[in-house]
Amino acid sequence: MGTRPDALANLSTRASRFRAATLLVAGIIGIVIVVAALQRLTSERIARNERLWLIARLETLIPPALRDNDMYDDRIRARSRDLLGTDSSWVYRARKQGAPAAAIIASVAPDGYGGAIDLLVAVDYDGLVLGVQVLKHRETPGIGDGFEPRRSSWLQSFKQRTLDNPEASRWTIRKDGGDFDQFTGASVTPRAIIKAVRRTLEYYRANRETIFNAAAQP
């Protein structure tokens, strides 16, 4: 007895639907794979660019003439919310012929006018400030201009300072009896940065031997 025509039609329809569904699933899987690959490539590119950008900042603070190691790879984790303003940050170490030369400590001024301000504070082995940079902030353009290197030399006022120079009571703006200028029309942000730099120096003094003796961390 032969197969009925309507049964054959149903089988053909089901087969066509199965092939279509298979192709659809395969297409979706292919799209997911391509998107994932593109995201991975984009993430790797972003990470590489961020690394190069940070290395450029590190080398601005401590140029190769003052060291002979790779500071980015010679780094350790620092954990001191009280002094560094964050639960976890990095310390980048500079060495010359294997001997400790300087360190760049990432810290945060949590109480800027617009919120947290991410900093890099560079100090030589003895604790003398070599330079300070702002990595990230949320200050308004008018206030942010006060520490923008292209518009202001205010951050240069930290160079050659130490934890004892000036004395503790003078680590603030002149309006409060300190040694540091404030920005035009602004006092909250400079106070926050000054306090954060001093606390970073306090961290360095208390942890110098640990900083240079600890094994590097990825």
C-alpha atoms as a PDB file:
ATOM      1  CA  MET A   1       0.000   0.000   0.000  1.00  0.00           C
ATOM      2  CA  GLY A   2       1.517   3.348  -1.053  1.00  0.00           C
ATOM      3  CA  THR A   3       2.107   6.390   1.086  1.00  0.00           C
ATOM      4  CA  ARG A   4      -0.728   8.872   1.004  1.00  0.00           C
ATOM      5  CA  PRO A   5       0.084  12.186  -0.744  1.00  0.00           C
ATOM      6  CA  ASP A   6      -0.909  14.268   2.279  1.00  0.00           C
ATOM      7  CA  ALA A   7       1.459  12.261   4.535  1.00  0.00           C
ATOM      8  CA  LEU A   8       4.304  12.847   2.108  1.00  0.00           C
ATOM      9  CA  ALA A   9       3.493  16.547   2.082  1.00  0.00           C
ATOM     10  CA  ASN A  10       3.519  16.644   5.862  1.00  0.00           C
ATOM     11  CA  LEU A  11       6.886  14.878   5.992  1.00  0.00           C
ATOM     12  CA  SER A  12       8.302  17.294   3.443  1.00  0.00           C
ATOM     13  CA  THR A  13       6.957  20.271   5.395  1.00  0.00           C
ATOM     14  CA  ARG A  14       8.405  18.997   8.661  1.00  0.00           C
ATOM     15  CA  ALA A  15      11.771  18.367   6.995  1.00  0.00           C
ATOM     16  CA  SER A  16      11.779  21.877   5.549  1.00  0.00           C
ATOM     17  CA  ARG A  17      10.920  23.364   8.918  1.00  0.00           C
ATOM     18  CA  PHE A  18      13.663  21.318  10.592  1.00  0.00           C
ATOM     19  CA  ARG A  19      16.238  22.496   8.046  1.00  0.00           C
ATOM     20  CA  ALA A  20      15.097  26.098   8.496  1.00  0.00           C
ATOM     21  CA  ALA A  21      15.279  25.806  12.279  1.00  0.00           C
ATOM     22  CA  THR A  22      18.730  24.213  12.041  1.00  0.00           C
ATOM     23  CA  LEU A  23      19.963  26.984   9.787  1.00  0.00           C
ATOM     24  CA  LEU A  24      18.490  29.597  12.131  1.00  0.00           C
ATOM     25  CA  VAL A  25      20.175  28.074  15.176  1.00  0.00           C
ATOM     26  CA  ALA A  26      23.466  27.764  13.302  1.00  0.00           C
ATOM     27  CA  GLY A  27      23.187  31.390  12.232  1.00  0.00           C
ATOM     28  CA  ILE A  28      22.501  32.544  15.787  1.00  0.00           C
ATOM     29  CA  ILE A  29      25.465  30.514  17.088  1.00  0.00           C
ATOM     30  CA  GLY A  30      27.649  32.002  14.368  1.00  0.00           C
ATOM     31  CA  ILE A  31      26.566  35.526  15.273  1.00  0.00           C
ATOM     32  CA  VAL A  32      27.214  34.869  18.981  1.00  0.00           C
ATOM     33  CA  ILE A  33      30.707  33.551  18.185  1.00  0.00           C
ATOM     34  CA  VAL A  34      31.518  36.559  16.007  1.00  0.00           C
ATOM     35  CA  VAL A  35      30.195  39.036  18.583  1.00  0.00           C
ATOM     36  CA  ALA A  36      32.150  37.314  21.377  1.00  0.00           C
ATOM     37  CA  ALA A  37      35.326  37.395  19.292  1.00  0.00           C
ATOM     38  CA  LEU A  38      34.842  41.072  18.487  1.00  0.00           C
ATOM     39  CA  GLN A  39      34.192  41.862  22.163  1.00  0.00           C
ATOM     40  CA  ARG A  40      37.343  39.996  23.153  1.00  0.00           C
ATOM     41  CA  LEU A  41      39.417  41.826  20.555  1.00  0.00           C
ATOM     42  CA  THR A  42      37.919  45.156  21.615  1.00  0.00           C
ATOM     43  CA  SER A  43      38.510  44.422  25.297  1.00  0.00           C
ATOM     44  CA  GLU A  44      42.107  43.422  24.617  1.00  0.00           C
ATOM     45  CA  ARG A  45      42.658  46.571  22.557  1.00  0.00           C
ATOM     46  CA  ILE A  46      41.142  48.769  25.264  1.00  0.00           C
ATOM     47  CA  ALA A  47      43.241  47.067  27.955  1.00  0.00           C
ATOM     48  CA  ARG A  48      46.401  47.489  25.861  1.00  0.00           C
ATOM     49  CA  ASN A  49      45.677  51.170  25.239  1.00  0.00           C
ATOM     50  CA  GLU A  50      44.936  51.772  28.922  1.00  0.00           C
ATOM     51  CA  ARG A  51      48.201  50.061  29.855  1.00  0.00           C
ATOM     52  CA  LEU A  52      50.186  52.199  27.407  1.00  0.00           C
ATOM     53  CA  TRP A  53      48.433  55.347  28.642  1.00  0.00           C
ATOM     54  CA  LEU A  54      49.285  54.523  32.255  1.00  0.00           C
ATOM     55  CA  ILE A  55      52.891  53.660  31.413  1.00  0.00           C
ATOM     56  CA  ALA A  56      53.234  57.073  29.768  1.00  0.00           C
ATOM     57  CA  ARG A  57      51.971  58.704  32.997  1.00  0.00           C
ATOM     58  CA  LEU A  58      54.440  56.672  35.069  1.00  0.00           C
ATOM     59  CA  GLU A  59      57.352  57.629  32.831  1.00  0.00           C
ATOM     60  CA  THR A  60      56.395  61.288  33.037  1.00  0.00           C
ATOM     61  CA  LEU A  61      56.695  61.142  36.822  1.00  0.00           C
ATOM     62  CA  ILE A  62      59.836  58.979  36.921  1.00  0.00           C
ATOM     63  CA  PRO A  63      61.654  59.052  33.563  1.00  0.00           C
ATOM     64  CA  PRO A  64      63.902  56.189  32.422  1.00  0.00           C
ATOM     65  CA  ALA A  65      67.023  58.199  33.335  1.00  0.00           C
ATOM     66  CA  LEU A  66      66.178  57.689  37.021  1.00  0.00           C
ATOM     67  CA  ARG A  67      65.619  53.923  36.825  1.00  0.00           C
ATOM     68  CA  ASP A  68      66.418  50.824  34.795  1.00  0.00           C
ATOM     69  CA  ASN A  69      63.436  48.563  35.547  1.00  0.00           C
ATOM     70  CA  ASP A  70      59.910  48.207  34.189  1.00  0.00           C
ATOM     71  CA  MET A  71      57.777  49.989  36.789  1.00  0.00           C
ATOM     72  CA  TYR A  72      54.501  48.697  35.409  1.00  0.00           C
ATOM     73  CA  ASP A  73      55.504  45.073  35.975  1.00  0.00           C
ATOM     74  CA  ASP A  74      57.372  45.805  39.216  1.00  0.00           C
ATOM     75  CA  ARG A  75      54.259  46.648  41.215  1.00  0.00           C
ATOM     76  CA  ILE A  76      52.416  45.527  44.325  1.00  0.00           C
ATOM     77  CA  ARG A  77      48.923  45.895  45.719  1.00  0.00           C
ATOM     78  CA  ALA A  78      48.392  48.409  48.519  1.00  0.00           C
ATOM     79  CA  ARG A  79      45.454  48.157  50.903  1.00  0.00           C
ATOM     80  CA  SER A  80      44.845  51.105  53.211  1.00  0.00           C
ATOM     81  CA  ARG A  81      41.502  52.880  52.849  1.00  0.00           C
ATOM     82  CA  ASP A  82      42.358  55.275  55.700  1.00  0.00           C
ATOM     83  CA  LEU A  83      45.522  56.587  54.015  1.00  0.00           C
ATOM     84  CA  LEU A  84      45.015  55.855  50.323  1.00  0.00           C
ATOM     85  CA  GLY A  85      41.281  56.501  50.106  1.00  0.00           C
ATOM     86  CA  THR A  86      40.476  53.146  48.539  1.00  0.00           C
ATOM     87  CA  ASP A  87      40.382  49.490  49.530  1.00  0.00           C
ATOM     88  CA  SER A  88      42.934  48.467  46.911  1.00  0.00           C
ATOM     89  CA  SER A  89      45.418  50.388  44.798  1.00  0.00           C
ATOM     90  CA  TRP A  90      48.782  49.904  43.096  1.00  0.00           C
ATOM     91  CA  VAL A  91      52.297  50.917  44.024  1.00  0.00           C
ATOM     92  CA  TYR A  92      54.750  51.038  41.110  1.00  0.00           C
ATOM     93  CA  ARG A  93      58.402  50.666  42.085  1.00  0.00           C
ATOM     94  CA  ALA A  94      61.441  52.229  40.416  1.00  0.00           C
ATOM     95  CA  ARG A  95      64.865  50.649  40.830  1.00  0.00           C
ATOM     96  CA  LYS A  96      68.368  51.515  39.679  1.00  0.00           C
ATOM     97  CA  GLN A  97      70.780  48.601  39.349  1.00  0.00           C
ATOM     98  CA  GLY A  98      68.520  46.633  41.657  1.00  0.00           C
ATOM     99  CA  ALA A  99      68.463  49.238  44.419  1.00  0.00           C
ATOM    100  CA  PRO A 100      65.210  50.996  45.410  1.00  0.00           C
ATOM    101  CA  ALA A 101      65.034  54.440  43.811  1.00  0.00           C
ATOM    102  CA  ALA A 102      61.456  55.706  43.979  1.00  0.00           C
ATOM    103  CA  ALA A 103      57.811  54.692  44.037  1.00  0.00           C
ATOM    104  CA  ILE A 104      54.585  55.878  42.439  1.00  0.00           C
ATOM    105  CA  ILE A 105      51.563  55.322  44.627  1.00  0.00           C
ATOM    106  CA  ALA A 106      48.012  55.361  43.286  1.00  0.00           C
ATOM    107  CA  SER A 107      45.664  56.973  45.782  1.00  0.00           C
ATOM    108  CA  VAL A 108      42.250  58.610  45.877  1.00  0.00           C
ATOM    109  CA  ALA A 109      41.012  61.933  47.229  1.00  0.00           C
ATOM    110  CA  PRO A 110      37.444  60.806  48.018  1.00  0.00           C
ATOM    111  CA  ASP A 111      36.078  64.233  48.907  1.00  0.00           C
ATOM    112  CA  GLY A 112      36.597  66.399  45.844  1.00  0.00           C
ATOM    113  CA  TYR A 113      33.858  68.880  44.951  1.00  0.00           C
ATOM    114  CA  GLY A 114      32.583  66.570  42.194  1.00  0.00           C
ATOM    115  CA  GLY A 115      33.474  63.291  43.894  1.00  0.00           C
ATOM    116  CA  ALA A 116      36.517  61.041  44.024  1.00  0.00           C
ATOM    117  CA  ILE A 117      39.778  62.175  42.393  1.00  0.00           C
ATOM    118  CA  ASP A 118      42.274  59.477  41.353  1.00  0.00           C
ATOM    119  CA  LEU A 119      45.921  60.449  41.867  1.00  0.00           C
ATOM    120  CA  LEU A 120      49.444  59.242  41.216  1.00  0.00           C
ATOM    121  CA  VAL A 121      51.978  60.418  43.803  1.00  0.00           C
ATOM    122  CA  ALA A 122      55.667  59.864  43.004  1.00  0.00           C
ATOM    123  CA  VAL A 123      58.247  59.919  45.799  1.00  0.00           C
ATOM    124  CA  ASP A 124      61.950  59.178  45.869  1.00  0.00           C
ATOM    125  CA  TYR A 125      63.341  56.592  48.266  1.00  0.00           C
ATOM    126  CA  ASP A 126      63.663  59.145  51.064  1.00  0.00           C
ATOM    127  CA  GLY A 127      60.073  60.357  50.695  1.00  0.00           C
ATOM    128  CA  LEU A 128      60.645  63.529  48.647  1.00  0.00           C
ATOM    129  CA  VAL A 129      57.753  64.232  46.286  1.00  0.00           C
ATOM    130  CA  LEU A 130      58.854  63.989  42.654  1.00  0.00           C
ATOM    131  CA  GLY A 131      55.467  64.821  41.186  1.00  0.00           C
ATOM    132  CA  VAL A 132      51.703  64.419  41.391  1.00  0.00           C
ATOM    133  CA  GLN A 133      49.246  63.686  38.593  1.00  0.00           C
ATOM    134  CA  VAL A 134      45.460  63.513  38.470  1.00  0.00           C
ATOM    135  CA  LEU A 135      44.352  60.396  36.586  1.00  0.00           C
ATOM    136  CA  LYS A 136      40.583  60.755  36.790  1.00  0.00           C
ATOM    137  CA  HIS A 137      38.086  63.192  38.250  1.00  0.00           C
ATOM    138  CA  ARG A 138      34.516  64.430  37.977  1.00  0.00           C
ATOM    139  CA  GLU A 139      35.132  68.094  38.689  1.00  0.00           C
ATOM    140  CA  THR A 140      33.392  70.739  36.593  1.00  0.00           C
ATOM    141  CA  PRO A 141      35.554  72.335  33.861  1.00  0.00           C
ATOM    142  CA  GLY A 142      36.117  75.511  35.855  1.00  0.00           C
ATOM    143  CA  ILE A 143      37.347  73.661  38.931  1.00  0.00           C
ATOM    144  CA  GLY A 144      39.169  70.959  36.995  1.00  0.00           C
ATOM    145  CA  ASP A 145      41.169  73.606  35.172  1.00  0.00           C
ATOM    146  CA  GLY A 146      42.863  74.346  38.482  1.00  0.00           C
ATOM    147  CA  PHE A 147      44.939  71.173  38.267  1.00  0.00           C
ATOM    148  CA  GLU A 148      44.916  70.607  34.503  1.00  0.00           C
ATOM    149  CA  PRO A 149      48.643  70.692  33.517  1.00  0.00           C
ATOM    150  CA  ARG A 150      47.888  72.475  30.231  1.00  0.00           C
ATOM    151  CA  ARG A 151      46.199  75.318  32.089  1.00  0.00           C
ATOM    152  CA  SER A 152      47.774  75.378  35.536  1.00  0.00           C
ATOM    153  CA  SER A 153      51.035  74.573  37.313  1.00  0.00           C
ATOM    154  CA  TRP A 154      49.259  74.034  40.635  1.00  0.00           C
ATOM    155  CA  LEU A 155      50.261  70.368  40.950  1.00  0.00           C
ATOM    156  CA  GLN A 156      53.898  71.439  40.680  1.00  0.00           C
ATOM    157  CA  SER A 157      53.557  72.976  44.143  1.00  0.00           C
ATOM    158  CA  PHE A 158      53.909  69.467  45.629  1.00  0.00           C
ATOM    159  CA  LYS A 159      57.349  68.848  44.126  1.00  0.00           C
ATOM    160  CA  GLN A 160      60.217  68.751  46.615  1.00  0.00           C
ATOM    161  CA  ARG A 161      57.787  68.517  49.522  1.00  0.00           C
ATOM    162  CA  THR A 162      58.105  65.881  52.228  1.00  0.00           C
ATOM    163  CA  LEU A 163      55.903  64.709  55.060  1.00  0.00           C
ATOM    164  CA  ASP A 164      57.755  67.177  57.312  1.00  0.00           C
ATOM    165  CA  ASN A 165      57.973  70.045  54.827  1.00  0.00           C
ATOM    166  CA  PRO A 166      55.746  71.832  55.469  1.00  0.00           C
ATOM    167  CA  GLU A 167      54.770  70.835  58.998  1.00  0.00           C
ATOM    168  CA  ALA A 168      51.469  68.994  59.365  1.00  0.00           C
ATOM    169  CA  SER A 169      49.365  72.057  60.231  1.00  0.00           C
ATOM    170  CA  ARG A 170      50.434  73.810  57.027  1.00  0.00           C
ATOM    171  CA  TRP A 171      49.443  71.006  54.663  1.00  0.00           C
ATOM    172  CA  THR A 172      46.374  72.919  53.507  1.00  0.00           C
ATOM    173  CA  ILE A 173      45.428  76.001  51.496  1.00  0.00           C
ATOM    174  CA  ARG A 174      46.590  79.481  52.505  1.00  0.00           C
ATOM    175  CA  LYS A 175      43.014  80.441  53.372  1.00  0.00           C
ATOM    176  CA  ASP A 176      43.256  77.889  56.206  1.00  0.00           C
ATOM    177  CA  GLY A 177      46.748  78.968  57.255  1.00  0.00           C
ATOM    178  CA  GLY A 178      48.612  76.549  54.992  1.00  0.00           C
ATOM    179  CA  ASP A 179      51.356  76.736  52.373  1.00  0.00           C
ATOM    180  CA  PHE A 180      49.331  75.893  49.261  1.00  0.00           C
ATOM    181  CA  ASP A 181      47.380  78.150  46.926  1.00  0.00           C
ATOM    182  CA  GLN A 182      43.772  77.392  46.120  1.00  0.00           C
ATOM    183  CA  PHE A 183      42.026  77.535  42.768  1.00  0.00           C
ATOM    184  CA  THR A 184      40.179  80.654  41.734  1.00  0.00           C
ATOM    185  CA  GLY A 185      36.778  80.415  43.382  1.00  0.00           C
ATOM    186  CA  ALA A 186      37.399  76.911  44.716  1.00  0.00           C
ATOM    187  CA  SER A 187      38.653  75.504  47.983  1.00  0.00           C
ATOM    188  CA  VAL A 188      37.013  72.085  48.462  1.00  0.00           C
ATOM    189  CA  THR A 189      38.953  70.341  45.691  1.00  0.00           C
ATOM    190  CA  PRO A 190      42.438  71.676  46.526  1.00  0.00           C
ATOM    191  CA  ARG A 191      41.870  70.812  50.187  1.00  0.00           C
ATOM    192  CA  ALA A 192      40.929  67.263  49.159  1.00  0.00           C
ATOM    193  CA  ILE A 193      43.977  66.793  46.921  1.00  0.00           C
ATOM    194  CA  ILE A 194      46.389  68.258  49.484  1.00  0.00           C
ATOM    195  CA  LYS A 195      45.019  65.982  52.202  1.00  0.00           C
ATOM    196  CA  ALA A 196      45.224  62.940  49.919  1.00  0.00           C
ATOM    197  CA  VAL A 197      48.847  63.659  48.955  1.00  0.00           C
ATOM    198  CA  ARG A 198      49.858  64.030  52.596  1.00  0.00           C
ATOM    199  CA  ARG A 199      48.123  60.804  53.577  1.00  0.00           C
ATOM    200  CA  THR A 200      49.865  59.050  50.683  1.00  0.00           C
ATOM    201  CA  LEU A 201      53.193  60.231  52.088  1.00  0.00           C
ATOM    202  CA  GLU A 202      52.149  58.917  55.493  1.00  0.00           C
ATOM    203  CA  TYR A 203      51.442  55.546  53.902  1.00  0.00           C
ATOM    204  CA  TYR A 204      54.824  55.551  52.182  1.00  0.00           C
ATOM    205  CA  ARG A 205      56.737  56.383  55.346  1.00  0.00           C
ATOM    206  CA  ALA A 206      54.964  53.666  57.319  1.00  0.00           C
ATOM    207  CA  ASN A 207      55.374  50.997  54.625  1.00  0.00           C
ATOM    208  CA  ARG A 208      58.577  51.831  52.722  1.00  0.00           C
ATOM    209  CA  GLU A 209      60.463  48.638  53.534  1.00  0.00           C
ATOM    210  CA  THR A 210      57.450  46.468  52.755  1.00  0.00           C
ATOM    211  CA  ILE A 211      56.889  48.320  49.496  1.00  0.00           C
ATOM    212  CA  PHE A 212      60.348  47.562  48.145  1.00  0.00           C
ATOM    213  CA  ASN A 213      60.812  44.087  49.615  1.00  0.00           C
ATOM    214  CA  ALA A 214      57.493  42.510  48.617  1.00  0.00           C
ATOM    215  CA  ALA A 215      57.327  40.280  45.566  1.00  0.00           C
ATOM    216  CA  ALA A 216      55.838  41.860  42.446  1.00  0.00           C
ATOM    217  CA  GLN A 217      52.177  41.090  41.824  1.00  0.00           C
ATOM    218  CA  PRO A 218      50.404  40.670  38.466  1.00  0.00           C
END
